[in-house]
C-alpha atoms as a PDB file:
ATOM      1  CA  MET A   1     158.269  95.986 -12.195  1.00  0.00           C
ATOM      2  CA  GLU A   2     157.999  96.589  -8.693  1.00  0.00           C
ATOM      3  CA  ARG A   3     156.142  99.700  -7.588  1.00  0.00           C
ATOM      4  CA  LEU A   4     156.889 101.110  -4.529  1.00  0.00           C
ATOM      5  CA  LEU A   5     155.531 104.580  -2.486  1.00  0.00           C
ATOM      6  CA  VAL A   6     158.268 106.041  -0.956  1.00  0.00           C
ATOM      7  CA  ASP A   7     157.769 108.071   2.421  1.00  0.00           C
ATOM      8  CA  THR A   8     159.218 111.669   2.915  1.00  0.00           C
ATOM      9  CA  ASN A   9     161.953 110.453   5.286  1.00  0.00           C
ATOM     10  CA  ILE A  10     163.376 108.672   2.665  1.00  0.00           C
ATOM     11  CA  VAL A  11     163.361 110.862   0.465  1.00  0.00           C
ATOM     12  CA  ILE A  12     165.116 113.712   2.617  1.00  0.00           C
ATOM     13  CA  ASP A  13     167.628 110.974   3.525  1.00  0.00           C
ATOM     14  CA  LEU A  14     168.655 111.247  -0.327  1.00  0.00           C
ATOM     15  CA  LEU A  15     168.304 114.639  -0.842  1.00  0.00           C
ATOM     16  CA  ALA A  16     169.923 115.710   2.619  1.00  0.00           C
ATOM     17  CA  LYS A  17     172.377 113.240   2.474  1.00  0.00           C
ATOM     18  CA  ARG A  18     171.797 112.389   5.921  1.00  0.00           C
ATOM     19  CA  ASN A  19     174.228 110.314   8.017  1.00  0.00           C
ATOM     20  CA  GLY A  20     173.515 106.779   8.338  1.00  0.00           C
ATOM     21  CA  PHE A  21     170.587 106.408   5.428  1.00  0.00           C
ATOM     22  CA  PHE A  22     171.867 108.034   2.484  1.00  0.00           C
ATOM     23  CA  LEU A  23     173.327 105.280   0.865  1.00  0.00           C
ATOM     24  CA  GLU A  24     170.527 102.850   1.239  1.00  0.00           C
ATOM     25  CA  ALA A  25     168.348 105.583  -0.300  1.00  0.00           C
ATOM     26  CA  GLN A  26     170.845 106.152  -2.873  1.00  0.00           C
ATOM     27  CA  GLU A  27     170.739 102.660  -3.785  1.00  0.00           C
ATOM     28  CA  LEU A  28     167.111 102.373  -4.065  1.00  0.00           C
ATOM     29  CA  PHE A  29     166.792 105.814  -5.931  1.00  0.00           C
ATOM     30  CA  THR A  30     169.621 104.022  -8.156  1.00  0.00           C
ATOM     31  CA  LEU A  31     167.673 101.142  -8.942  1.00  0.00           C
ATOM     32  CA  ALA A  32     164.710 103.378 -10.033  1.00  0.00           C
ATOM     33  CA  ASP A  33     167.245 105.378 -12.395  1.00  0.00           C
ATOM     34  CA  LYS A  34     168.043 101.952 -14.021  1.00  0.00           C
ATOM     35  CA  LYS A  35     164.547 101.147 -14.305  1.00  0.00           C
ATOM     36  CA  GLU A  36     164.499  98.016 -12.087  1.00  0.00           C
ATOM     37  CA  ILE A  37     161.717  99.342  -9.748  1.00  0.00           C
ATOM     38  CA  LYS A  38     159.338 101.810 -10.013  1.00  0.00           C
ATOM     39  CA  LEU A  39     159.139 104.580  -7.218  1.00  0.00           C
ATOM     40  CA  PHE A  40     156.096 106.687  -6.574  1.00  0.00           C
ATOM     41  CA  VAL A  41     155.871 109.366  -4.060  1.00  0.00           C
ATOM     42  CA  SER A  42     152.752 111.566  -2.982  1.00  0.00           C
ATOM     43  CA  SER A  43     152.327 114.803  -3.665  1.00  0.00           C
ATOM     44  CA  LEU A  44     152.244 115.519  -0.072  1.00  0.00           C
ATOM     45  CA  THR A  45     155.678 114.102  -0.002  1.00  0.00           C
ATOM     46  CA  PHE A  46     156.925 116.642  -2.536  1.00  0.00           C
ATOM     47  CA  ALA A  47     155.499 119.548  -1.235  1.00  0.00           C
ATOM     48  CA  ASN A  48     156.792 118.800   2.535  1.00  0.00           C
ATOM     49  CA  THR A  49     160.512 117.982   0.922  1.00  0.00           C
ATOM     50  CA  TYR A  50     160.263 121.385  -1.125  1.00  0.00           C
ATOM     51  CA  TYR A  51     159.462 123.035   2.393  1.00  0.00           C
ATOM     52  CA  ILE A  52     162.490 121.256   4.028  1.00  0.00           C
ATOM     53  CA  LEU A  53     164.929 122.249   1.349  1.00  0.00           C
ATOM     54  CA  SER A  54     163.479 125.812   1.238  1.00  0.00           C
ATOM     55  CA  GLN A  55     164.535 126.161   4.819  1.00  0.00           C
ATOM     56  CA  LYS A  56     168.007 125.230   4.132  1.00  0.00           C
ATOM     57  CA  LEU A  57     168.777 126.478   0.432  1.00  0.00           C
ATOM     58  CA  LYS A  58     167.672 129.258  -1.711  1.00  0.00           C
ATOM     59  CA  VAL A  59     164.150 128.857  -3.377  1.00  0.00           C
ATOM     60  CA  LYS A  60     166.023 128.399  -7.092  1.00  0.00           C
ATOM     61  CA  GLU A  61     168.510 125.829  -5.691  1.00  0.00           C
ATOM     62  CA  ALA A  62     165.327 123.771  -3.857  1.00  0.00           C
ATOM     63  CA  ARG A  63     163.726 123.836  -7.091  1.00  0.00           C
ATOM     64  CA  LYS A  64     166.408 122.725  -9.269  1.00  0.00           C
ATOM     65  CA  ILE A  65     167.201 119.804  -6.869  1.00  0.00           C
ATOM     66  CA  LEU A  66     163.659 118.670  -7.092  1.00  0.00           C
ATOM     67  CA  ARG A  67     163.312 119.138 -10.825  1.00  0.00           C
ATOM     68  CA  LYS A  68     166.337 116.684 -10.989  1.00  0.00           C
ATOM     69  CA  PHE A  69     164.753 114.308  -8.537  1.00  0.00           C
ATOM     70  CA  LYS A  70     161.721 114.270  -9.945  1.00  0.00           C
ATOM     71  CA  VAL A  71     163.017 111.790 -12.871  1.00  0.00           C
ATOM     72  CA  LEU A  72     163.380 109.244 -10.502  1.00  0.00           C
ATOM     73  CA  VAL A  73     159.816 109.074  -9.561  1.00  0.00           C
ATOM     74  CA  GLU A  74     155.897 109.330 -10.297  1.00  0.00           C
ATOM     75  CA  VAL A  75     154.203 111.998  -8.111  1.00  0.00           C
ATOM     76  CA  LEU A  76     150.776 110.800  -6.892  1.00  0.00           C
ATOM     77  CA  PRO A  77     147.838 112.820  -6.753  1.00  0.00           C
ATOM     78  CA  MET A  78     146.078 113.243  -3.107  1.00  0.00           C
ATOM     79  CA  ASP A  79     142.149 113.721  -3.775  1.00  0.00           C
ATOM     80  CA  ASP A  80     139.065 113.953  -1.592  1.00  0.00           C
ATOM     81  CA  LYS A  81     138.731 110.172  -1.190  1.00  0.00           C
ATOM     82  CA  ILE A  82     142.286 109.722   0.151  1.00  0.00           C
ATOM     83  CA  ILE A  83     141.594 112.598   2.540  1.00  0.00           C
ATOM     84  CA  ASP A  84     138.513 111.220   3.519  1.00  0.00           C
ATOM     85  CA  LEU A  85     140.136 107.933   4.252  1.00  0.00           C
ATOM     86  CA  SER A  86     142.897 109.319   6.075  1.00  0.00           C
ATOM     87  CA  LEU A  87     140.517 111.510   8.296  1.00  0.00           C
ATOM     88  CA  ASP A  88     138.642 108.415   9.294  1.00  0.00           C
ATOM     89  CA  SER A  89     141.168 106.338   9.637  1.00  0.00           C
ATOM     90  CA  GLU A  90     142.999 104.646  12.669  1.00  0.00           C
ATOM     91  CA  PHE A  91     146.230 106.227  12.463  1.00  0.00           C
ATOM     92  CA  LYS A  92     147.583 108.876  14.779  1.00  0.00           C
ATOM     93  CA  ASP A  93     149.908 110.339  12.215  1.00  0.00           C
ATOM     94  CA  PHE A  94     147.698 112.284   9.371  1.00  0.00           C
ATOM     95  CA  GLU A  95     150.432 112.478   7.407  1.00  0.00           C
ATOM     96  CA  ASP A  96     151.098 108.800   7.430  1.00  0.00           C
ATOM     97  CA  ALA A  97     147.572 107.981   6.640  1.00  0.00           C
ATOM     98  CA  ILE A  98     147.663 110.102   3.561  1.00  0.00           C
ATOM     99  CA  GLN A  99     150.908 108.260   2.330  1.00  0.00           C
ATOM    100  CA  TYR A 100     149.132 104.949   3.190  1.00  0.00           C
ATOM    101  CA  TYR A 101     145.827 105.808   1.390  1.00  0.00           C
ATOM    102  CA  THR A 102     147.707 107.337  -1.523  1.00  0.00           C
ATOM    103  CA  ALA A 103     149.587 103.856  -1.575  1.00  0.00           C
ATOM    104  CA  ILE A 104     146.336 101.900  -1.602  1.00  0.00           C
ATOM    105  CA  GLU A 105     144.216 104.063  -4.159  1.00  0.00           C
ATOM    106  CA  ASN A 106     147.171 103.713  -6.778  1.00  0.00           C
ATOM    107  CA  GLY A 107     147.636 100.280  -6.369  1.00  0.00           C
ATOM    108  CA  ILE A 108     150.798 100.225  -4.665  1.00  0.00           C
ATOM    109  CA  ALA A 109     152.553  96.611  -3.169  1.00  0.00           C
ATOM    110  CA  ILE A 110     154.998  98.200  -0.852  1.00  0.00           C
ATOM    111  CA  ILE A 111     155.329 101.312   1.089  1.00  0.00           C
ATOM    112  CA  LEU A 112     159.180 102.482   2.008  1.00  0.00           C
ATOM    113  CA  THR A 113     159.818 104.467   5.092  1.00  0.00           C
ATOM    114  CA  ARG A 114     161.972 104.674   8.260  1.00  0.00           C
ATOM    115  CA  ASN A 115     158.805 104.849  10.336  1.00  0.00           C
ATOM    116  CA  LEU A 116     157.394 101.684  10.831  1.00  0.00           C
ATOM    117  CA  LYS A 117     155.701 102.252  14.091  1.00  0.00           C
ATOM    118  CA  ASP A 118     153.159 104.436  12.539  1.00  0.00           C
ATOM    119  CA  PHE A 119     152.249 101.879   9.613  1.00  0.00           C
ATOM    120  CA  LYS A 120     151.132  98.907  12.341  1.00  0.00           C
ATOM    121  CA  THR A 121     147.410  98.564  10.812  1.00  0.00           C
ATOM    122  CA  SER A 122     148.790  98.511   7.351  1.00  0.00           C
ATOM    123  CA  LYS A 123     147.592  95.737   4.773  1.00  0.00           C
ATOM    124  CA  ILE A 124     150.005  96.232   2.542  1.00  0.00           C
ATOM    125  CA  PRO A 125     154.047  95.738   3.430  1.00  0.00           C
ATOM    126  CA  VAL A 126     155.733  98.310   5.086  1.00  0.00           C
ATOM    127  CA  LEU A 127     159.562  98.129   4.733  1.00  0.00           C
ATOM    128  CA  THR A 128     162.820 100.272   5.549  1.00  0.00           C
ATOM    129  CA  ALA A 129     164.863 100.685   2.297  1.00  0.00           C
ATOM    130  CA  LYS A 130     167.277  98.834   3.878  1.00  0.00           C
ATOM    131  CA  ASN A 131     165.307  95.599   4.736  1.00  0.00           C
ATOM    132  CA  TYR A 132     163.932  96.378   1.148  1.00  0.00           C
ATOM    133  CA  LEU A 133     167.440  95.936  -0.217  1.00  0.00           C
ATOM    134  CA  GLU A 134     168.399  93.352   1.374  1.00  0.00           C
ATOM    135  CA  ILE A 135     165.179  91.406   0.596  1.00  0.00           C
ATOM    136  CA  ARG A 136     166.073  92.215  -3.089  1.00  0.00           C
ATOM    137  CA  LYS A 137     169.467  90.610  -3.067  1.00  0.00           C
END
């Protein structure tokens, strides 16, 4: 089964039902629900998603949404090594470095994001959800 790390922007696409991106995010997470793929998120993604949701919703509602969402993904830890690798990396965006090294340190084969330009130095494939879904067909 393919193991993929999903960046925060795709998680928000799903949970906020963002125009132009929701359907492909929904299709991706449906594959995970059907156990056709295994999706992972970093603990940073989970925290950032909660923060974004709690800005628009009541805390109780944001937590309810994340509890439901959590059954679709496995949350990966962030540790000293990931932080050190991220701090020493060539990534301009620190959050993207954390995503990248979370994937690398956990043997994840592919990163899915809408922010491809910030992963130019990646040694593993980085795709949009749309690109990934097109390749699967």
